[in-house]
Amino acid sequence: MRLNLDTTVFEEQQALLVRELVQSIRVKLQEVGLAGSQLEDTTAGIAFSVASMLDDTAAIEVDGTEVHPYLTFRTADDALTHCGENSYMHEFVYEVLRQLDQESKE
């Protein structure tokens, strides 16, 4: 596979991934009965934690082995698209939550 540096496509893909992550977490928490601010706070906390791990902003170490993820997205032309540095999905979590909240009110 070819490695492709494209920050625009990468950012679009990150935002879509975070949106799906947040929606999935929210649905599962609703299924177990969370609602209101408890649902929103718990969704945000879990999504932020998972995104931070994938972004390599949370220290991951198991039995002396450090783990450093580096996110890429496979695009239609079978390239792996990256942004030249670590991902920053955690920065999208609260924005996505606000968007989903607005959409649910419409």
Protein backbone atom coordinates (compact mmCIF):
# COMPACT_ATOMS: atom_id res chain seq x y z
CA MET A 1 0.00 0.00 0.00
CA ARG A 2 1.04 3.52 -0.76
CA LEU A 3 1.35 6.04 2.09
CA ASN A 4 -0.33 9.34 1.26
CA LEU A 5 0.12 12.60 3.20
CA ASP A 6 -3.17 14.53 2.94
CA THR A 7 -4.18 16.56 5.97
CA THR A 8 -7.56 17.59 4.52
CA VAL A 9 -8.75 14.04 3.82
CA PHE A 10 -7.25 12.86 7.11
CA GLU A 11 -9.15 15.48 9.11
CA GLU A 12 -12.42 14.65 7.37
CA GLN A 13 -11.91 10.95 8.10
CA GLN A 14 -11.05 11.63 11.76
CA ALA A 15 -14.21 13.69 12.23
CA LEU A 16 -16.35 10.94 10.71
CA LEU A 17 -14.69 8.28 12.87
CA VAL A 18 -15.23 10.32 16.03
CA ARG A 19 -18.87 10.89 15.12
CA GLU A 20 -19.44 7.14 14.72
CA LEU A 21 -17.54 6.41 17.93
CA VAL A 22 -19.60 8.91 19.92
CA GLN A 23 -22.88 7.68 18.44
CA SER A 24 -22.03 4.04 19.19
CA ILE A 25 -21.07 4.81 22.77
CA ARG A 26 -24.20 6.89 23.31
CA VAL A 27 -26.50 4.14 21.97
CA LYS A 28 -24.93 1.48 24.20
CA LEU A 29 -25.24 3.72 27.27
CA GLN A 30 -28.86 4.49 26.43
CA GLU A 31 -29.52 0.74 26.18
CA VAL A 32 -28.44 0.34 29.81
CA GLY A 33 -30.67 3.19 30.92
CA LEU A 34 -28.50 6.30 31.06
CA ALA A 35 -30.19 9.57 30.11
CA GLY A 36 -29.79 13.32 30.37
CA SER A 37 -26.57 14.84 31.67
CA GLN A 38 -25.35 11.48 32.98
CA LEU A 39 -25.61 10.06 29.45
CA GLU A 40 -23.83 13.04 27.90
CA ASP A 41 -21.06 13.19 30.51
CA THR A 42 -20.38 9.46 30.38
CA THR A 43 -20.45 9.41 26.58
CA ALA A 44 -17.99 12.32 26.46
CA GLY A 45 -15.68 10.73 29.01
CA ILE A 46 -15.51 7.36 27.28
CA ALA A 47 -15.17 8.84 23.78
CA PHE A 48 -12.45 11.25 24.92
CA SER A 49 -10.51 8.44 26.62
CA VAL A 50 -10.69 6.12 23.59
CA ALA A 51 -9.78 8.92 21.17
CA SER A 52 -6.84 9.96 23.38
CA MET A 53 -5.50 6.41 23.37
CA LEU A 54 -5.71 6.23 19.59
CA ASP A 55 -4.13 9.69 19.31
CA ASP A 56 -1.20 8.50 21.43
CA THR A 57 -1.85 11.26 23.98
CA ALA A 58 -2.58 8.75 26.75
CA ALA A 59 0.35 6.71 28.01
CA ILE A 60 -0.13 3.04 27.16
CA GLU A 61 2.29 0.58 28.71
CA VAL A 62 1.74 -3.10 29.47
CA ASP A 63 4.37 -5.23 31.19
CA GLY A 64 7.13 -2.81 30.20
CA THR A 65 6.05 -2.56 26.57
CA GLU A 66 4.98 0.89 25.41
CA VAL A 67 2.31 1.18 22.73
CA HIS A 68 2.29 4.15 20.35
CA PRO A 69 -0.58 4.08 17.81
CA TYR A 70 -0.30 5.98 14.54
CA LEU A 71 -3.61 6.38 12.75
CA THR A 72 -4.06 6.12 9.01
CA PHE A 73 -7.16 5.80 6.86
CA ARG A 74 -7.46 3.53 3.84
CA THR A 75 -8.90 5.52 0.95
CA ALA A 76 -10.70 4.38 -2.19
CA ASP A 77 -7.43 4.21 -4.16
CA ASP A 78 -6.03 1.75 -1.57
CA ALA A 79 -3.64 4.34 -0.17
CA LEU A 80 -3.07 4.82 3.54
CA THR A 81 -3.73 8.48 4.27
CA HIS A 82 -2.03 10.13 7.23
CA CYS A 83 -1.41 13.68 8.42
CA GLY A 84 2.33 13.51 9.10
CA GLU A 85 1.91 13.38 12.88
CA ASN A 86 -0.28 11.76 15.50
CA SER A 87 -4.02 11.99 15.07
CA TYR A 88 -5.99 14.49 17.15
CA MET A 89 -9.43 12.89 17.32
CA HIS A 90 -9.88 13.82 20.97
CA GLU A 91 -10.22 17.45 19.83
CA PHE A 92 -13.41 16.56 17.92
CA VAL A 93 -15.28 14.78 20.73
CA TYR A 94 -17.03 17.75 22.34
CA GLU A 95 -17.79 19.39 18.99
CA VAL A 96 -19.41 16.17 17.77
CA LEU A 97 -21.43 15.91 20.99
CA ARG A 98 -22.71 19.47 20.46
CA GLN A 99 -23.64 18.68 16.85
CA LEU A 100 -25.50 15.52 17.83
CA ASP A 101 -27.33 17.40 20.59
CA GLN A 102 -28.40 20.09 18.09
CA GLU A 103 -29.56 17.45 15.61
CA SER A 104 -31.64 15.69 18.26
CA LYS A 105 -33.40 18.99 19.10
CA GLU A 106 -34.37 19.67 15.48
